[in-house]
Amino acid sequence: HMLATDPSLNHTIRGYNDELLHMAQDLADRLMPAFQASKTGIPFPRVNLKRGVPSSETTETCTAGAGSLILEFGVLSRLTGDPTYEQAAKKALKAVWSRRSHLNLLGNVIDIQTGHWIHTASSTGAGIDSVFEYMLKAYVLFGEQEYKDMFDQAYKALLLYVRDQSGYLYRNVHMSTGSL
């Protein structure tokens, strides 16, 4: 949408009437039940785009999936003027972050209804990696200091507890103890 409408990007589409933006908003509206049906604000991992969250849907989701929607939903809110999407994604990220250990480490899988960690392995691997990436990118994109503060604390903890002394390996450690 932005490429199609912003002349400064040198790529406009003649005859384009915000169809992509409307489709993005429609998709986001269909995803919103994943947030709204959650007691913590952390979204369900899957949603049926016609019927919402299935009654049989698991309440366990990975940290990356829970906290990595801030960029897309934030931009959508700013393009549409509807803060709902950004607020939901920010609430989810903050809900995950507020459940970090005293070491500032996050687990890998969380129960979205109770907020309890299911898998307490902290690492930079699959299922958790993008939450750190999105904290920093959200700061760069939106300029909000709280995203940078989250990233700085998480990064420091990763270097202290997760990174091997050699500096080349990042291990799985228990989020509450920092032990392998």
N, C-alpha and C. Protein backbone atom coordinates (compact mmCIF):
# COMPACT_ATOMS: atom_id res chain seq x y z
N HIS A 1 0.82 -1.19 0.00
CA HIS A 1 0.00 0.00 0.00
C HIS A 1 0.87 1.26 0.00
N MET A 2 1.87 1.27 0.86
CA MET A 2 2.71 2.45 0.95
C MET A 2 3.49 2.67 -0.35
N LEU A 3 3.99 1.60 -0.94
CA LEU A 3 4.69 1.73 -2.22
C LEU A 3 3.75 2.25 -3.30
N ALA A 4 2.50 1.86 -3.24
CA ALA A 4 1.54 2.25 -4.26
C ALA A 4 1.04 3.68 -4.10
N THR A 5 1.22 4.28 -2.92
CA THR A 5 0.61 5.58 -2.67
C THR A 5 1.59 6.71 -2.35
N ASP A 6 2.82 6.39 -2.05
CA ASP A 6 3.77 7.43 -1.63
C ASP A 6 4.68 7.81 -2.80
N PRO A 7 4.47 8.96 -3.39
CA PRO A 7 5.28 9.37 -4.54
C PRO A 7 6.77 9.47 -4.23
N SER A 8 7.12 9.72 -2.98
CA SER A 8 8.54 9.83 -2.63
C SER A 8 9.27 8.50 -2.76
N LEU A 9 8.53 7.41 -2.83
CA LEU A 9 9.14 6.09 -2.99
C LEU A 9 9.28 5.70 -4.47
N ASN A 10 8.88 6.61 -5.35
CA ASN A 10 9.01 6.44 -6.81
C ASN A 10 8.33 5.20 -7.35
N HIS A 11 7.21 4.82 -6.77
CA HIS A 11 6.52 3.63 -7.28
C HIS A 11 5.04 3.72 -6.96
N THR A 12 4.34 4.55 -7.66
CA THR A 12 2.90 4.64 -7.44
C THR A 12 2.19 3.78 -8.49
N ILE A 13 0.98 3.40 -8.18
CA ILE A 13 0.18 2.59 -9.10
C ILE A 13 -1.03 3.42 -9.53
N ARG A 14 -1.08 3.72 -10.81
CA ARG A 14 -2.20 4.51 -11.33
C ARG A 14 -3.50 3.73 -11.15
N GLY A 15 -4.52 4.38 -10.64
CA GLY A 15 -5.82 3.76 -10.46
C GLY A 15 -5.98 3.00 -9.15
N TYR A 16 -4.94 2.98 -8.36
CA TYR A 16 -4.99 2.29 -7.07
C TYR A 16 -5.86 3.09 -6.11
N ASN A 17 -6.78 2.45 -5.42
CA ASN A 17 -7.70 3.12 -4.51
C ASN A 17 -7.69 2.49 -3.12
N ASP A 18 -6.53 2.27 -2.56
CA ASP A 18 -6.36 1.75 -1.20
C ASP A 18 -6.87 0.33 -1.01
N GLU A 19 -6.98 -0.43 -2.10
CA GLU A 19 -7.49 -1.80 -1.97
C GLU A 19 -6.63 -2.66 -1.05
N LEU A 20 -5.31 -2.52 -1.14
CA LEU A 20 -4.42 -3.33 -0.28
C LEU A 20 -4.59 -2.95 1.19
N LEU A 21 -4.74 -1.68 1.46
CA LEU A 21 -4.94 -1.24 2.84
C LEU A 21 -6.26 -1.78 3.37
N HIS A 22 -7.30 -1.74 2.56
CA HIS A 22 -8.59 -2.29 2.99
C HIS A 22 -8.50 -3.79 3.24
N MET A 23 -7.75 -4.49 2.40
CA MET A 23 -7.58 -5.94 2.60
C MET A 23 -6.78 -6.22 3.87
N ALA A 24 -5.76 -5.41 4.13
CA ALA A 24 -4.96 -5.58 5.36
C ALA A 24 -5.82 -5.34 6.59
N GLN A 25 -6.67 -4.33 6.54
CA GLN A 25 -7.54 -4.04 7.67
C GLN A 25 -8.57 -5.16 7.86
N ASP A 26 -9.09 -5.68 6.76
CA ASP A 26 -10.04 -6.79 6.84
C ASP A 26 -9.37 -8.01 7.48
N LEU A 27 -8.14 -8.29 7.07
CA LEU A 27 -7.41 -9.42 7.67
C LEU A 27 -7.17 -9.18 9.16
N ALA A 28 -6.75 -7.98 9.51
CA ALA A 28 -6.51 -7.66 10.93
C ALA A 28 -7.79 -7.80 11.74
N ASP A 29 -8.91 -7.35 11.19
CA ASP A 29 -10.19 -7.49 11.88
C ASP A 29 -10.52 -8.96 12.13
N ARG A 30 -10.17 -9.81 11.18
CA ARG A 30 -10.42 -11.24 11.33
C ARG A 30 -9.47 -11.89 12.33
N LEU A 31 -8.31 -11.29 12.53
CA LEU A 31 -7.34 -11.80 13.50
C LEU A 31 -7.60 -11.30 14.92
N MET A 32 -8.31 -10.20 15.06
CA MET A 32 -8.53 -9.59 16.37
C MET A 32 -9.17 -10.52 17.40
N PRO A 33 -10.06 -11.45 17.02
CA PRO A 33 -10.60 -12.36 18.04
C PRO A 33 -9.51 -13.16 18.77
N ALA A 34 -8.37 -13.37 18.13
CA ALA A 34 -7.28 -14.09 18.78
C ALA A 34 -6.80 -13.33 20.02
N PHE A 35 -6.85 -12.01 19.96
CA PHE A 35 -6.47 -11.17 21.10
C PHE A 35 -7.64 -11.04 22.08
N GLN A 36 -8.81 -10.81 21.55
CA GLN A 36 -9.98 -10.49 22.37
C GLN A 36 -10.46 -11.68 23.21
N ALA A 37 -10.21 -12.91 22.74
CA ALA A 37 -10.66 -14.09 23.48
C ALA A 37 -9.65 -14.53 24.53
N SER A 38 -8.57 -13.80 24.67
CA SER A 38 -7.50 -14.14 25.60
C SER A 38 -7.63 -13.33 26.88
N LYS A 39 -7.45 -13.98 28.02
CA LYS A 39 -7.53 -13.31 29.31
C LYS A 39 -6.33 -12.39 29.55
N THR A 40 -5.19 -12.72 28.95
CA THR A 40 -3.97 -11.95 29.17
C THR A 40 -3.71 -10.90 28.10
N GLY A 41 -4.40 -11.00 26.97
CA GLY A 41 -4.11 -10.13 25.83
C GLY A 41 -3.09 -10.73 24.89
N ILE A 42 -2.48 -11.84 25.30
CA ILE A 42 -1.57 -12.57 24.43
C ILE A 42 -2.44 -13.37 23.47
N PRO A 43 -2.24 -13.23 22.16
CA PRO A 43 -3.18 -13.84 21.22
C PRO A 43 -3.10 -15.36 21.14
N PHE A 44 -4.23 -15.96 20.81
CA PHE A 44 -4.25 -17.38 20.48
C PHE A 44 -3.34 -17.60 19.28
N PRO A 45 -2.73 -18.77 19.17
CA PRO A 45 -1.80 -19.00 18.06
C PRO A 45 -2.48 -19.13 16.70
N ARG A 46 -3.74 -19.54 16.68
CA ARG A 46 -4.46 -19.70 15.41
C ARG A 46 -5.88 -19.17 15.55
N VAL A 47 -6.40 -18.71 14.43
CA VAL A 47 -7.77 -18.21 14.38
C VAL A 47 -8.36 -18.60 13.03
N ASN A 48 -9.61 -18.99 13.05
CA ASN A 48 -10.32 -19.27 11.81
C ASN A 48 -10.79 -17.92 11.27
N LEU A 49 -10.40 -17.60 10.06
CA LEU A 49 -10.68 -16.27 9.53
C LEU A 49 -12.16 -16.02 9.26
N LYS A 50 -12.97 -17.05 9.27
CA LYS A 50 -14.42 -16.88 9.11
C LYS A 50 -15.15 -16.90 10.45
N ARG A 51 -14.69 -17.76 11.38
CA ARG A 51 -15.46 -18.00 12.59
C ARG A 51 -14.77 -17.56 13.88
N GLY A 52 -13.56 -17.08 13.82
CA GLY A 52 -12.86 -16.67 15.04
C GLY A 52 -12.05 -17.81 15.63
N VAL A 53 -11.82 -17.76 16.92
CA VAL A 53 -11.00 -18.76 17.60
C VAL A 53 -11.82 -20.02 17.82
N PRO A 54 -11.36 -21.16 17.30
CA PRO A 54 -12.09 -22.41 17.52
C PRO A 54 -12.09 -22.77 19.01
N SER A 55 -13.17 -23.37 19.48
CA SER A 55 -13.27 -23.74 20.89
C SER A 55 -12.22 -24.77 21.28
N SER A 56 -11.71 -25.51 20.31
CA SER A 56 -10.70 -26.54 20.60
C SER A 56 -9.27 -26.01 20.48
N GLU A 57 -9.10 -24.74 20.22
CA GLU A 57 -7.76 -24.18 20.01
C GLU A 57 -6.93 -24.25 21.28
N THR A 58 -5.65 -24.58 21.12
CA THR A 58 -4.73 -24.64 22.24
C THR A 58 -4.52 -23.26 22.83
N THR A 59 -4.20 -23.22 24.11
CA THR A 59 -3.90 -21.95 24.76
C THR A 59 -2.39 -21.74 24.89
N GLU A 60 -1.62 -22.63 24.29
CA GLU A 60 -0.16 -22.52 24.33
C GLU A 60 0.34 -21.88 23.05
N THR A 61 1.20 -20.88 23.20
CA THR A 61 1.78 -20.23 22.03
C THR A 61 3.25 -19.91 22.29
N CYS A 62 4.01 -19.79 21.22
CA CYS A 62 5.42 -19.46 21.37
C CYS A 62 5.57 -17.96 21.61
N THR A 63 6.65 -17.60 22.23
CA THR A 63 6.93 -16.22 22.58
C THR A 63 7.03 -15.34 21.33
N ALA A 64 7.65 -15.85 20.30
CA ALA A 64 7.79 -15.08 19.06
C ALA A 64 6.42 -14.76 18.47
N GLY A 65 5.55 -15.75 18.40
CA GLY A 65 4.22 -15.52 17.85
C GLY A 65 3.40 -14.56 18.69
N ALA A 66 3.63 -14.58 19.98
CA ALA A 66 2.85 -13.73 20.89
C ALA A 66 3.30 -12.28 20.84
N GLY A 67 4.58 -12.06 20.66
CA GLY A 67 5.11 -10.69 20.77
C GLY A 67 5.61 -10.05 19.51
N SER A 68 5.38 -10.68 18.37
CA SER A 68 5.96 -10.17 17.12
C SER A 68 4.94 -9.62 16.14
N LEU A 69 3.91 -8.98 16.64
CA LEU A 69 2.91 -8.40 15.74
C LEU A 69 2.90 -6.88 15.80
N ILE A 70 3.77 -6.31 16.60
CA ILE A 70 3.75 -4.87 16.84
C ILE A 70 4.06 -4.06 15.59
N LEU A 71 4.95 -4.52 14.74
CA LEU A 71 5.29 -3.72 13.56
C LEU A 71 4.12 -3.62 12.59
N GLU A 72 3.58 -4.78 12.20
CA GLU A 72 2.51 -4.79 11.22
C GLU A 72 1.24 -4.13 11.76
N PHE A 73 0.89 -4.46 12.99
CA PHE A 73 -0.33 -3.89 13.56
C PHE A 73 -0.14 -2.41 13.88
N GLY A 74 1.07 -2.03 14.28
CA GLY A 74 1.35 -0.62 14.55
C GLY A 74 1.25 0.22 13.28
N VAL A 75 1.84 -0.26 12.20
CA VAL A 75 1.77 0.47 10.94
C VAL A 75 0.33 0.52 10.45
N LEU A 76 -0.40 -0.58 10.56
CA LEU A 76 -1.80 -0.57 10.13
C LEU A 76 -2.61 0.47 10.91
N SER A 77 -2.40 0.54 12.20
CA SER A 77 -3.12 1.54 13.00
C SER A 77 -2.78 2.95 12.54
N ARG A 78 -1.54 3.18 12.25
CA ARG A 78 -1.13 4.53 11.86
C ARG A 78 -1.63 4.88 10.46
N LEU A 79 -1.72 3.89 9.58
CA LEU A 79 -2.24 4.15 8.23
C LEU A 79 -3.75 4.34 8.22
N THR A 80 -4.45 3.63 9.08
CA THR A 80 -5.92 3.71 9.09
C THR A 80 -6.45 4.73 10.09
N GLY A 81 -5.63 5.14 11.04
CA GLY A 81 -6.10 6.03 12.09
C GLY A 81 -6.88 5.30 13.18
N ASP A 82 -6.87 3.97 13.14
CA ASP A 82 -7.58 3.16 14.14
C ASP A 82 -6.55 2.55 15.09
N PRO A 83 -6.46 3.03 16.32
CA PRO A 83 -5.42 2.55 17.25
C PRO A 83 -5.64 1.13 17.76
N THR A 84 -6.77 0.52 17.47
CA THR A 84 -7.13 -0.79 18.01
C THR A 84 -6.06 -1.84 17.75
N TYR A 85 -5.54 -1.88 16.55
CA TYR A 85 -4.59 -2.93 16.17
C TYR A 85 -3.28 -2.77 16.93
N GLU A 86 -2.75 -1.56 16.95
CA GLU A 86 -1.50 -1.32 17.66
C GLU A 86 -1.67 -1.57 19.15
N GLN A 87 -2.79 -1.15 19.70
CA GLN A 87 -3.02 -1.35 21.13
C GLN A 87 -3.04 -2.84 21.47
N ALA A 88 -3.66 -3.66 20.64
CA ALA A 88 -3.72 -5.11 20.90
C ALA A 88 -2.33 -5.73 20.83
N ALA A 89 -1.57 -5.37 19.82
CA ALA A 89 -0.23 -5.94 19.66
C ALA A 89 0.71 -5.47 20.77
N LYS A 90 0.58 -4.21 21.15
CA LYS A 90 1.42 -3.68 22.23
C LYS A 90 1.07 -4.34 23.56
N LYS A 91 -0.22 -4.52 23.79
CA LYS A 91 -0.66 -5.19 25.02
C LYS A 91 -0.09 -6.61 25.08
N ALA A 92 -0.10 -7.31 23.95
CA ALA A 92 0.43 -8.67 23.90
C ALA A 92 1.92 -8.69 24.20
N LEU A 93 2.68 -7.81 23.55
CA LEU A 93 4.12 -7.75 23.79
C LEU A 93 4.42 -7.42 25.24
N LYS A 94 3.71 -6.45 25.79
CA LYS A 94 3.93 -6.07 27.18
C LYS A 94 3.51 -7.19 28.14
N ALA A 95 2.48 -7.94 27.78
CA ALA A 95 2.04 -9.06 28.62
C ALA A 95 3.11 -10.14 28.67
N VAL A 96 3.75 -10.40 27.54
CA VAL A 96 4.84 -11.37 27.51
C VAL A 96 6.02 -10.83 28.32
N TRP A 97 6.40 -9.59 28.06
CA TRP A 97 7.56 -8.99 28.72
C TRP A 97 7.35 -8.92 30.24
N SER A 98 6.15 -8.65 30.67
CA SER A 98 5.89 -8.53 32.11
C SER A 98 6.03 -9.87 32.83
N ARG A 99 6.08 -10.95 32.08
CA ARG A 99 6.22 -12.28 32.66
C ARG A 99 7.66 -12.80 32.56
N ARG A 100 8.59 -11.93 32.24
CA ARG A 100 10.00 -12.32 32.19
C ARG A 100 10.48 -12.68 33.60
N SER A 101 11.57 -13.40 33.64
CA SER A 101 12.14 -13.77 34.95
C SER A 101 12.89 -12.59 35.55
N HIS A 102 13.32 -12.75 36.78
CA HIS A 102 14.10 -11.70 37.43
C HIS A 102 15.44 -11.49 36.74
N LEU A 103 15.82 -12.45 35.87
CA LEU A 103 17.05 -12.32 35.08
C LEU A 103 16.80 -11.59 33.76
N ASN A 104 15.57 -11.19 33.52
CA ASN A 104 15.13 -10.57 32.26
C ASN A 104 15.16 -11.54 31.08
N LEU A 105 14.95 -12.82 31.38
CA LEU A 105 14.86 -13.84 30.34
C LEU A 105 13.41 -14.25 30.15
N LEU A 106 13.07 -14.59 28.91
CA LEU A 106 11.74 -15.05 28.55
C LEU A 106 11.78 -16.54 28.27
N GLY A 107 10.70 -17.22 28.56
CA GLY A 107 10.59 -18.62 28.19
C GLY A 107 10.21 -18.75 26.72
N ASN A 108 10.04 -19.99 26.27
CA ASN A 108 9.78 -20.25 24.85
C ASN A 108 8.30 -20.43 24.54
N VAL A 109 7.52 -20.96 25.49
CA VAL A 109 6.09 -21.20 25.25
C VAL A 109 5.32 -20.75 26.49
N ILE A 110 4.23 -20.02 26.25
CA ILE A 110 3.42 -19.46 27.33
C ILE A 110 1.96 -19.85 27.14
N ASP A 111 1.25 -20.01 28.25
CA ASP A 111 -0.19 -20.24 28.20
C ASP A 111 -0.87 -18.87 28.14
N ILE A 112 -1.61 -18.62 27.08
CA ILE A 112 -2.18 -17.29 26.87
C ILE A 112 -3.30 -16.96 27.84
N GLN A 113 -3.91 -17.94 28.45
CA GLN A 113 -5.01 -17.68 29.38
C GLN A 113 -4.50 -17.48 30.81
N THR A 114 -3.52 -18.26 31.23
CA THR A 114 -3.02 -18.14 32.59
C THR A 114 -1.79 -17.23 32.70
N GLY A 115 -1.06 -17.10 31.60
CA GLY A 115 0.18 -16.33 31.63
C GLY A 115 1.35 -17.10 32.21
N HIS A 116 1.16 -18.39 32.46
CA HIS A 116 2.24 -19.22 33.00
C HIS A 116 3.09 -19.76 31.85
N TRP A 117 4.39 -19.86 32.11
CA TRP A 117 5.30 -20.40 31.11
C TRP A 117 5.14 -21.92 31.05
N ILE A 118 5.02 -22.45 29.86
CA ILE A 118 4.91 -23.88 29.63
C ILE A 118 6.31 -24.47 29.42
N HIS A 119 7.11 -23.79 28.60
CA HIS A 119 8.50 -24.18 28.37
C HIS A 119 9.37 -23.01 28.81
N THR A 120 10.23 -23.28 29.76
CA THR A 120 11.01 -22.22 30.39
C THR A 120 12.41 -22.08 29.80
N ALA A 121 12.65 -22.72 28.65
CA ALA A 121 13.94 -22.57 27.99
C ALA A 121 14.02 -21.21 27.33
N SER A 122 15.07 -20.49 27.67
CA SER A 122 15.31 -19.18 27.07
C SER A 122 16.48 -19.31 26.12
N SER A 123 16.35 -18.70 24.94
CA SER A 123 17.39 -18.82 23.92
C SER A 123 17.20 -17.74 22.89
N THR A 124 17.92 -17.89 21.78
CA THR A 124 17.73 -17.01 20.63
C THR A 124 17.24 -17.83 19.44
N GLY A 125 16.74 -19.02 19.69
CA GLY A 125 16.32 -19.93 18.62
C GLY A 125 14.87 -19.76 18.22
N ALA A 126 14.43 -20.72 17.43
CA ALA A 126 13.06 -20.71 16.90
C ALA A 126 12.05 -20.63 18.03
N GLY A 127 11.01 -19.88 17.80
CA GLY A 127 9.94 -19.74 18.77
C GLY A 127 10.12 -18.58 19.72
N ILE A 128 11.29 -17.94 19.68
CA ILE A 128 11.52 -16.81 20.59
C ILE A 128 12.30 -15.68 19.93
N ASP A 129 13.09 -16.00 18.92
CA ASP A 129 14.04 -15.05 18.34
C ASP A 129 13.42 -13.73 17.87
N SER A 130 12.31 -13.79 17.18
CA SER A 130 11.78 -12.57 16.58
C SER A 130 11.21 -11.59 17.59
N VAL A 131 10.90 -12.02 18.80
CA VAL A 131 10.39 -11.06 19.79
C VAL A 131 11.47 -10.02 20.11
N PHE A 132 12.72 -10.45 20.15
CA PHE A 132 13.82 -9.51 20.40
C PHE A 132 14.00 -8.58 19.21
N GLU A 133 13.97 -9.15 18.03
CA GLU A 133 14.08 -8.39 16.79
C GLU A 133 13.00 -7.31 16.71
N TYR A 134 11.78 -7.68 17.04
CA TYR A 134 10.66 -6.74 16.92
C TYR A 134 10.70 -5.66 17.99
N MET A 135 11.26 -5.95 19.16
CA MET A 135 11.41 -4.90 20.18
C MET A 135 12.28 -3.77 19.63
N LEU A 136 13.41 -4.16 19.02
CA LEU A 136 14.33 -3.15 18.50
C LEU A 136 13.74 -2.46 17.27
N LYS A 137 13.16 -3.21 16.37
CA LYS A 137 12.57 -2.62 15.16
C LYS A 137 11.40 -1.70 15.51
N ALA A 138 10.63 -2.03 16.54
CA ALA A 138 9.53 -1.16 16.95
C ALA A 138 10.07 0.18 17.45
N TYR A 139 11.19 0.12 18.16
CA TYR A 139 11.81 1.37 18.61
C TYR A 139 12.26 2.20 17.40
N VAL A 140 12.93 1.55 16.46
CA VAL A 140 13.43 2.25 15.28
C VAL A 140 12.26 2.85 14.48
N LEU A 141 11.21 2.07 14.28
CA LEU A 141 10.09 2.51 13.46
C LEU A 141 9.21 3.56 14.15
N PHE A 142 8.91 3.33 15.43
CA PHE A 142 7.95 4.20 16.11
C PHE A 142 8.60 5.22 17.05
N GLY A 143 9.87 4.99 17.42
CA GLY A 143 10.57 5.92 18.28
C GLY A 143 10.15 5.91 19.73
N GLU A 144 9.47 4.86 20.16
CA GLU A 144 8.99 4.80 21.54
C GLU A 144 10.04 4.13 22.43
N GLN A 145 10.49 4.85 23.43
CA GLN A 145 11.60 4.42 24.28
C GLN A 145 11.33 3.09 24.98
N GLU A 146 10.08 2.80 25.32
CA GLU A 146 9.80 1.56 26.04
C GLU A 146 10.23 0.33 25.24
N TYR A 147 10.15 0.37 23.92
CA TYR A 147 10.60 -0.75 23.10
C TYR A 147 12.11 -0.91 23.20
N LYS A 148 12.83 0.19 23.18
CA LYS A 148 14.29 0.15 23.31
C LYS A 148 14.69 -0.35 24.68
N ASP A 149 13.98 0.08 25.71
CA ASP A 149 14.28 -0.37 27.07
C ASP A 149 14.09 -1.88 27.20
N MET A 150 13.00 -2.40 26.62
CA MET A 150 12.78 -3.85 26.64
C MET A 150 13.92 -4.56 25.94
N PHE A 151 14.25 -4.08 24.74
CA PHE A 151 15.32 -4.72 23.97
C PHE A 151 16.64 -4.68 24.73
N ASP A 152 17.00 -3.53 25.27
CA ASP A 152 18.28 -3.40 25.98
C ASP A 152 18.37 -4.38 27.14
N GLN A 153 17.30 -4.51 27.91
CA GLN A 153 17.32 -5.43 29.05
C GLN A 153 17.40 -6.88 28.56
N ALA A 154 16.64 -7.20 27.53
CA ALA A 154 16.65 -8.57 26.99
C ALA A 154 18.02 -8.90 26.40
N TYR A 155 18.59 -7.98 25.65
CA TYR A 155 19.88 -8.21 25.00
C TYR A 155 20.99 -8.41 26.03
N LYS A 156 20.97 -7.60 27.06
CA LYS A 156 21.97 -7.73 28.13
C LYS A 156 21.85 -9.12 28.78
N ALA A 157 20.62 -9.54 29.04
CA ALA A 157 20.41 -10.86 29.65
C ALA A 157 20.85 -11.98 28.72
N LEU A 158 20.59 -11.85 27.43
CA LEU A 158 21.02 -12.87 26.48
C LEU A 158 22.54 -12.98 26.45
N LEU A 159 23.21 -11.85 26.45
CA LEU A 159 24.68 -11.88 26.44
C LEU A 159 25.23 -12.47 27.74
N LEU A 160 24.58 -12.20 28.83
CA LEU A 160 25.06 -12.65 30.13
C LEU A 160 24.78 -14.14 30.38
N TYR A 161 23.58 -14.60 30.01
CA TYR A 161 23.17 -15.96 30.38
C TYR A 161 23.10 -16.94 29.21
N VAL A 162 22.76 -16.47 28.05
CA VAL A 162 22.51 -17.38 26.92
C VAL A 162 23.75 -17.57 26.05
N ARG A 163 24.50 -16.53 25.85
CA ARG A 163 25.71 -16.62 25.02
C ARG A 163 26.79 -17.42 25.74
N ASP A 164 27.35 -18.37 25.05
CA ASP A 164 28.45 -19.18 25.56
C ASP A 164 29.69 -18.29 25.74
N GLN A 165 30.55 -18.68 26.64
CA GLN A 165 31.76 -17.89 26.91
C GLN A 165 32.62 -17.69 25.67
N SER A 166 32.53 -18.62 24.72
CA SER A 166 33.31 -18.46 23.48
C SER A 166 32.79 -17.29 22.65
N GLY A 167 31.54 -16.92 22.86
CA GLY A 167 30.94 -15.84 22.10
C GLY A 167 30.33 -16.28 20.79
N TYR A 168 30.49 -17.57 20.45
CA TYR A 168 30.02 -18.07 19.15
C TYR A 168 28.73 -18.88 19.25
N LEU A 169 28.40 -19.34 20.43
CA LEU A 169 27.23 -20.19 20.61
C LEU A 169 26.23 -19.51 21.54
N TYR A 170 24.96 -19.70 21.21
CA TYR A 170 23.89 -19.26 22.09
C TYR A 170 23.13 -20.50 22.51
N ARG A 171 23.05 -20.71 23.81
CA ARG A 171 22.52 -21.96 24.36
C ARG A 171 21.09 -21.80 24.83
N ASN A 172 20.49 -22.91 25.18
CA ASN A 172 19.19 -22.90 25.86
C ASN A 172 19.46 -22.93 27.35
N VAL A 173 18.91 -21.96 28.08
CA VAL A 173 19.08 -21.92 29.52
C VAL A 173 17.71 -21.79 30.16
N HIS A 174 17.64 -22.15 31.43
CA HIS A 174 16.39 -21.99 32.17
C HIS A 174 16.20 -20.50 32.44
N MET A 175 15.02 -20.00 32.13
CA MET A 175 14.76 -18.57 32.23
C MET A 175 14.89 -18.00 33.65
N SER A 176 14.71 -18.84 34.66
CA SER A 176 14.75 -18.35 36.04
C SER A 176 16.11 -18.50 36.71
N THR A 177 16.94 -19.41 36.20
CA THR A 177 18.23 -19.65 36.83
C THR A 177 19.43 -19.30 35.93
N GLY A 178 19.21 -19.29 34.62
CA GLY A 178 20.30 -19.08 33.69
C GLY A 178 21.17 -20.29 33.47
N SER A 179 20.79 -21.42 34.11
CA SER A 179 21.59 -22.65 33.96
C SER A 179 21.16 -23.42 32.71
N LEU A 180 22.10 -24.22 32.18
CA LEU A 180 21.83 -25.01 31.00
C LEU A 180 20.67 -25.96 31.24
